[in-house]
Amino acid sequence: DSIQIQFRFNSDSIQIQFTLKVPMPILEGINFINLVI
């Protein structure tokens, strides 16, 4: 349905959290993908 992008600014690193809301059985267990830069 929608793609939520959350930006979290920490003291040392920047965490970009992508939350994908897709009605698929494959993505049932996968809720978010964390990319730590």
Protein backbone atom coordinates (compact mmCIF):
# COMPACT_ATOMS: atom_id res chain seq x y z
CA ASP A 1 0.00 0.00 0.00
CA SER A 2 2.57 2.57 1.08
CA ILE A 3 6.29 3.00 1.65
CA GLN A 4 7.38 4.57 4.92
CA ILE A 5 10.87 6.04 5.16
CA GLN A 6 12.15 6.95 8.61
CA PHE A 7 15.36 8.91 9.10
CA ARG A 8 17.07 8.49 12.46
CA PHE A 9 20.04 10.74 13.18
CA ASN A 10 22.34 9.37 15.87
CA SER A 11 25.54 10.83 17.29
CA ASP A 12 27.84 8.67 15.18
CA SER A 13 25.81 6.97 12.49
CA ILE A 14 22.76 7.63 10.36
CA GLN A 15 20.13 4.90 10.33
CA ILE A 16 17.77 4.88 7.38
CA GLN A 17 14.85 2.56 8.04
CA PHE A 18 12.72 1.52 5.09
CA THR A 19 9.34 0.08 6.04
CA LEU A 20 7.65 -1.69 3.15
CA LYS A 21 3.96 -2.50 3.49
CA VAL A 22 3.31 -4.97 0.68
CA PRO A 23 0.48 -7.54 0.86
CA MET A 24 2.68 -10.49 -0.09
CA PRO A 25 3.17 -13.82 1.76
CA ILE A 26 6.90 -13.63 1.01
CA LEU A 27 7.26 -10.35 2.87
CA GLU A 28 5.19 -11.61 5.80
CA GLY A 29 8.17 -12.09 8.11
CA ILE A 30 10.16 -9.19 6.71
CA ASN A 31 8.84 -5.95 8.16
CA PHE A 32 11.71 -3.51 7.70
CA ILE A 33 15.18 -3.19 6.25
CA ASN A 34 17.81 -1.30 8.25
CA LEU A 35 20.67 0.39 6.47
CA VAL A 36 23.35 1.75 8.78
CA ILE A 37 25.60 4.29 7.11
